[in-house]
Amino acid sequence: MENSKQEKITELAKKIKMFGKNVAIVRNESAGETASGFTLTKESQEKKVSGTVYGIGKDVEEAQVGDNVVFDKYDVTEIQVQGVNFLIVKEPSIHFKIEQ
């Protein structure tokens, strides 16, 4: 992701105030590959999605802003803020994070 786009997303994410265990995520652009370069199997791609965390609620225990995570795609609420799609995911639906 280019720097100016990432900066725009970061600024927009500040406008989203998360509650409880909710996490705001932007889906990675490459469908089958995580931001760290890990490739998800075809089966995993159908059930799980990867993305970068841009916002967290006050009760989130493990996820942090900037984490690259894989989560269940069926447990999300999608919102759009000034043309950017954010996925709101409950922390228990995040399966793991991939460290750089």
N, C-alpha and C. Protein backbone atom coordinates (compact mmCIF):
# COMPACT_ATOMS: atom_id res chain seq x y z
N MET A 1 0.85 -1.17 0.00
CA MET A 1 0.00 0.00 0.00
C MET A 1 0.90 1.23 0.00
N GLU A 2 0.58 2.18 -0.85
CA GLU A 2 1.41 3.37 -0.92
C GLU A 2 1.24 4.22 0.33
N ASN A 3 2.28 5.00 0.63
CA ASN A 3 2.34 5.78 1.87
C ASN A 3 1.19 6.76 2.04
N SER A 4 0.85 7.52 0.99
CA SER A 4 -0.21 8.52 1.13
C SER A 4 -1.56 7.86 1.40
N LYS A 5 -1.82 6.72 0.80
CA LYS A 5 -3.07 6.00 1.05
C LYS A 5 -3.11 5.50 2.49
N GLN A 6 -1.99 4.99 2.97
CA GLN A 6 -1.91 4.51 4.34
C GLN A 6 -2.11 5.65 5.33
N GLU A 7 -1.53 6.81 5.04
CA GLU A 7 -1.70 7.97 5.91
C GLU A 7 -3.17 8.41 5.95
N LYS A 8 -3.84 8.38 4.79
CA LYS A 8 -5.25 8.75 4.72
C LYS A 8 -6.08 7.79 5.58
N ILE A 9 -5.80 6.50 5.47
CA ILE A 9 -6.53 5.50 6.25
C ILE A 9 -6.31 5.72 7.74
N THR A 10 -5.08 6.00 8.12
CA THR A 10 -4.76 6.25 9.53
C THR A 10 -5.53 7.46 10.06
N GLU A 11 -5.61 8.53 9.28
CA GLU A 11 -6.35 9.72 9.70
C GLU A 11 -7.85 9.43 9.81
N LEU A 12 -8.40 8.70 8.83
CA LEU A 12 -9.82 8.36 8.87
C LEU A 12 -10.14 7.46 10.05
N ALA A 13 -9.25 6.55 10.36
CA ALA A 13 -9.47 5.61 11.47
C ALA A 13 -9.60 6.35 12.80
N LYS A 14 -8.95 7.48 12.92
CA LYS A 14 -9.05 8.26 14.16
C LYS A 14 -10.46 8.79 14.39
N LYS A 15 -11.27 8.85 13.32
CA LYS A 15 -12.64 9.33 13.44
C LYS A 15 -13.59 8.23 13.91
N ILE A 16 -13.11 6.98 13.90
CA ILE A 16 -13.94 5.84 14.31
C ILE A 16 -13.59 5.51 15.75
N LYS A 17 -14.52 5.71 16.65
CA LYS A 17 -14.30 5.40 18.07
C LYS A 17 -14.89 4.02 18.35
N MET A 18 -14.04 3.06 18.58
CA MET A 18 -14.46 1.68 18.79
C MET A 18 -14.91 1.47 20.23
N PHE A 19 -15.93 0.63 20.42
CA PHE A 19 -16.41 0.28 21.75
C PHE A 19 -16.06 -1.16 22.06
N GLY A 20 -15.90 -1.46 23.34
CA GLY A 20 -15.73 -2.82 23.81
C GLY A 20 -14.58 -3.56 23.15
N LYS A 21 -14.87 -4.76 22.65
CA LYS A 21 -13.85 -5.62 22.05
C LYS A 21 -13.83 -5.54 20.53
N ASN A 22 -14.35 -4.44 19.97
CA ASN A 22 -14.37 -4.28 18.52
C ASN A 22 -13.04 -3.74 18.00
N VAL A 23 -12.72 -4.18 16.78
CA VAL A 23 -11.47 -3.81 16.13
C VAL A 23 -11.80 -3.33 14.72
N ALA A 24 -11.21 -2.20 14.29
CA ALA A 24 -11.39 -1.69 12.93
C ALA A 24 -10.21 -2.17 12.09
N ILE A 25 -10.54 -2.85 10.99
CA ILE A 25 -9.51 -3.46 10.13
C ILE A 25 -9.75 -3.01 8.69
N VAL A 26 -8.67 -2.81 7.96
CA VAL A 26 -8.74 -2.59 6.52
C VAL A 26 -8.18 -3.85 5.86
N ARG A 27 -8.99 -4.44 5.00
CA ARG A 27 -8.63 -5.69 4.33
C ARG A 27 -7.38 -5.48 3.47
N ASN A 28 -6.49 -6.48 3.49
CA ASN A 28 -5.32 -6.44 2.62
C ASN A 28 -5.78 -6.52 1.17
N GLU A 29 -5.09 -5.82 0.29
CA GLU A 29 -5.50 -5.74 -1.11
C GLU A 29 -5.32 -7.05 -1.85
N SER A 30 -4.29 -7.81 -1.54
CA SER A 30 -4.07 -9.09 -2.20
C SER A 30 -4.91 -10.14 -1.53
N ALA A 31 -5.84 -10.74 -2.26
CA ALA A 31 -6.83 -11.64 -1.67
C ALA A 31 -6.21 -12.85 -0.99
N GLY A 32 -5.18 -13.44 -1.56
CA GLY A 32 -4.65 -14.67 -1.00
C GLY A 32 -3.37 -14.52 -0.21
N GLU A 33 -2.90 -13.30 -0.07
CA GLU A 33 -1.62 -13.10 0.59
C GLU A 33 -1.76 -12.06 1.69
N THR A 34 -1.14 -12.33 2.83
CA THR A 34 -1.18 -11.37 3.93
C THR A 34 -0.17 -10.26 3.67
N ALA A 35 -0.23 -9.20 4.45
CA ALA A 35 0.69 -8.08 4.30
C ALA A 35 2.14 -8.50 4.52
N SER A 36 2.34 -9.58 5.26
CA SER A 36 3.69 -10.06 5.54
C SER A 36 4.20 -11.01 4.47
N GLY A 37 3.35 -11.32 3.48
CA GLY A 37 3.78 -12.20 2.41
C GLY A 37 3.38 -13.65 2.58
N PHE A 38 2.69 -14.00 3.68
CA PHE A 38 2.20 -15.36 3.85
C PHE A 38 1.06 -15.59 2.88
N THR A 39 1.01 -16.77 2.28
CA THR A 39 -0.07 -17.10 1.37
C THR A 39 -1.07 -17.99 2.08
N LEU A 40 -2.35 -17.62 2.02
CA LEU A 40 -3.40 -18.42 2.63
C LEU A 40 -3.85 -19.48 1.64
N THR A 41 -4.17 -20.68 2.13
CA THR A 41 -4.66 -21.74 1.26
C THR A 41 -6.01 -21.34 0.67
N LYS A 42 -6.41 -22.00 -0.42
CA LYS A 42 -7.68 -21.67 -1.05
C LYS A 42 -8.83 -21.83 -0.07
N GLU A 43 -8.81 -22.88 0.75
CA GLU A 43 -9.86 -23.11 1.74
C GLU A 43 -9.90 -21.98 2.77
N SER A 44 -8.73 -21.55 3.23
CA SER A 44 -8.66 -20.46 4.20
C SER A 44 -9.16 -19.16 3.61
N GLN A 45 -8.86 -18.92 2.32
CA GLN A 45 -9.30 -17.69 1.67
C GLN A 45 -10.82 -17.61 1.63
N GLU A 46 -11.49 -18.76 1.53
CA GLU A 46 -12.95 -18.77 1.47
C GLU A 46 -13.58 -18.45 2.82
N LYS A 47 -12.88 -18.75 3.91
CA LYS A 47 -13.45 -18.59 5.25
C LYS A 47 -12.81 -17.45 6.05
N LYS A 48 -11.58 -17.11 5.73
CA LYS A 48 -10.84 -16.14 6.53
C LYS A 48 -10.26 -15.05 5.64
N VAL A 49 -10.02 -13.90 6.24
CA VAL A 49 -9.51 -12.74 5.52
C VAL A 49 -8.38 -12.15 6.35
N SER A 50 -7.44 -11.51 5.67
CA SER A 50 -6.37 -10.84 6.41
C SER A 50 -6.49 -9.34 6.21
N GLY A 51 -5.96 -8.60 7.18
CA GLY A 51 -6.00 -7.15 7.10
C GLY A 51 -5.14 -6.53 8.18
N THR A 52 -5.13 -5.21 8.18
CA THR A 52 -4.34 -4.44 9.13
C THR A 52 -5.26 -3.73 10.10
N VAL A 53 -4.93 -3.80 11.39
CA VAL A 53 -5.73 -3.16 12.44
C VAL A 53 -5.43 -1.66 12.45
N TYR A 54 -6.49 -0.85 12.41
CA TYR A 54 -6.35 0.62 12.45
C TYR A 54 -7.01 1.24 13.66
N GLY A 55 -7.83 0.48 14.38
CA GLY A 55 -8.49 1.02 15.57
C GLY A 55 -8.93 -0.10 16.48
N ILE A 56 -8.92 0.15 17.80
CA ILE A 56 -9.32 -0.87 18.77
C ILE A 56 -10.20 -0.26 19.85
N GLY A 57 -11.11 -1.07 20.37
CA GLY A 57 -11.94 -0.65 21.49
C GLY A 57 -11.18 -0.75 22.80
N LYS A 58 -11.72 -0.15 23.84
CA LYS A 58 -11.00 -0.10 25.13
C LYS A 58 -10.87 -1.45 25.81
N ASP A 59 -11.71 -2.43 25.44
CA ASP A 59 -11.64 -3.75 26.07
C ASP A 59 -10.86 -4.78 25.26
N VAL A 60 -10.24 -4.35 24.19
CA VAL A 60 -9.43 -5.27 23.37
C VAL A 60 -8.18 -5.63 24.15
N GLU A 61 -7.89 -6.92 24.23
CA GLU A 61 -6.78 -7.38 25.06
C GLU A 61 -5.50 -7.67 24.28
N GLU A 62 -5.62 -8.20 23.05
CA GLU A 62 -4.41 -8.64 22.35
C GLU A 62 -4.09 -7.87 21.08
N ALA A 63 -5.08 -7.56 20.28
CA ALA A 63 -4.82 -6.86 19.02
C ALA A 63 -4.36 -5.44 19.29
N GLN A 64 -3.47 -4.96 18.43
CA GLN A 64 -2.95 -3.60 18.55
C GLN A 64 -2.99 -2.93 17.18
N VAL A 65 -3.09 -1.62 17.18
CA VAL A 65 -3.06 -0.87 15.93
C VAL A 65 -1.75 -1.21 15.20
N GLY A 66 -1.87 -1.53 13.92
CA GLY A 66 -0.71 -1.87 13.11
C GLY A 66 -0.52 -3.36 12.92
N ASP A 67 -1.21 -4.18 13.73
CA ASP A 67 -1.08 -5.64 13.59
C ASP A 67 -1.66 -6.10 12.27
N ASN A 68 -1.01 -7.07 11.65
CA ASN A 68 -1.56 -7.78 10.49
C ASN A 68 -2.21 -9.04 11.03
N VAL A 69 -3.53 -9.17 10.81
CA VAL A 69 -4.28 -10.25 11.43
C VAL A 69 -5.08 -11.05 10.39
N VAL A 70 -5.44 -12.27 10.77
CA VAL A 70 -6.33 -13.11 9.98
C VAL A 70 -7.58 -13.33 10.82
N PHE A 71 -8.75 -13.12 10.21
CA PHE A 71 -10.01 -13.18 10.95
C PHE A 71 -11.08 -13.85 10.11
N ASP A 72 -12.16 -14.23 10.77
CA ASP A 72 -13.29 -14.89 10.12
C ASP A 72 -14.08 -13.86 9.33
N LYS A 73 -14.21 -14.06 8.02
CA LYS A 73 -14.88 -13.05 7.19
C LYS A 73 -16.38 -13.01 7.37
N TYR A 74 -16.95 -13.99 8.05
CA TYR A 74 -18.40 -14.03 8.22
C TYR A 74 -18.86 -13.28 9.47
N ASP A 75 -17.95 -12.76 10.26
CA ASP A 75 -18.30 -12.08 11.50
C ASP A 75 -17.81 -10.63 11.45
N VAL A 76 -18.18 -9.90 10.39
CA VAL A 76 -17.73 -8.52 10.24
C VAL A 76 -18.90 -7.59 9.92
N THR A 77 -18.74 -6.34 10.26
CA THR A 77 -19.64 -5.29 9.83
C THR A 77 -18.79 -4.35 8.99
N GLU A 78 -19.22 -4.09 7.76
CA GLU A 78 -18.44 -3.24 6.88
C GLU A 78 -19.02 -1.83 6.87
N ILE A 79 -18.14 -0.84 7.05
CA ILE A 79 -18.55 0.56 6.97
C ILE A 79 -17.61 1.26 6.00
N GLN A 80 -18.09 2.35 5.43
CA GLN A 80 -17.27 3.14 4.52
C GLN A 80 -17.16 4.56 5.06
N VAL A 81 -15.92 5.03 5.17
CA VAL A 81 -15.67 6.39 5.63
C VAL A 81 -14.85 7.08 4.54
N GLN A 82 -15.44 8.05 3.89
CA GLN A 82 -14.79 8.81 2.82
C GLN A 82 -14.09 7.90 1.82
N GLY A 83 -14.79 6.86 1.38
CA GLY A 83 -14.28 5.98 0.33
C GLY A 83 -13.39 4.84 0.80
N VAL A 84 -13.11 4.76 2.09
CA VAL A 84 -12.29 3.67 2.62
C VAL A 84 -13.19 2.68 3.35
N ASN A 85 -13.07 1.41 2.99
CA ASN A 85 -13.87 0.36 3.63
C ASN A 85 -13.16 -0.16 4.88
N PHE A 86 -13.82 0.00 6.01
CA PHE A 86 -13.32 -0.54 7.27
C PHE A 86 -14.19 -1.73 7.65
N LEU A 87 -13.57 -2.77 8.15
CA LEU A 87 -14.29 -3.94 8.64
C LEU A 87 -14.25 -3.89 10.16
N ILE A 88 -15.41 -3.93 10.79
CA ILE A 88 -15.47 -3.94 12.25
C ILE A 88 -15.62 -5.40 12.66
N VAL A 89 -14.65 -5.88 13.43
CA VAL A 89 -14.57 -7.29 13.81
C VAL A 89 -14.47 -7.37 15.33
N LYS A 90 -15.17 -8.31 15.92
CA LYS A 90 -15.03 -8.56 17.36
C LYS A 90 -13.71 -9.30 17.58
N GLU A 91 -12.96 -8.92 18.60
CA GLU A 91 -11.64 -9.50 18.82
C GLU A 91 -11.64 -11.03 18.85
N PRO A 92 -12.64 -11.70 19.45
CA PRO A 92 -12.61 -13.16 19.43
C PRO A 92 -12.64 -13.78 18.03
N SER A 93 -13.04 -13.01 17.01
CA SER A 93 -13.06 -13.52 15.63
C SER A 93 -11.71 -13.39 14.95
N ILE A 94 -10.75 -12.76 15.62
CA ILE A 94 -9.38 -12.67 15.08
C ILE A 94 -8.66 -13.94 15.51
N HIS A 95 -8.16 -14.67 14.54
CA HIS A 95 -7.54 -15.97 14.83
C HIS A 95 -6.07 -15.86 15.20
N PHE A 96 -5.34 -14.98 14.51
CA PHE A 96 -3.94 -14.79 14.86
C PHE A 96 -3.40 -13.54 14.18
N LYS A 97 -2.24 -13.09 14.67
CA LYS A 97 -1.57 -11.98 14.00
C LYS A 97 -0.25 -12.50 13.44
N ILE A 98 0.19 -11.86 12.40
CA ILE A 98 1.44 -12.25 11.73
C ILE A 98 2.45 -11.16 12.01
N GLU A 99 3.52 -11.53 12.69
CA GLU A 99 4.54 -10.56 13.04
C GLU A 99 5.50 -10.38 11.87
N GLN A 100 5.90 -9.15 11.66
CA GLN A 100 6.80 -8.80 10.53
C GLN A 100 8.21 -9.26 10.81
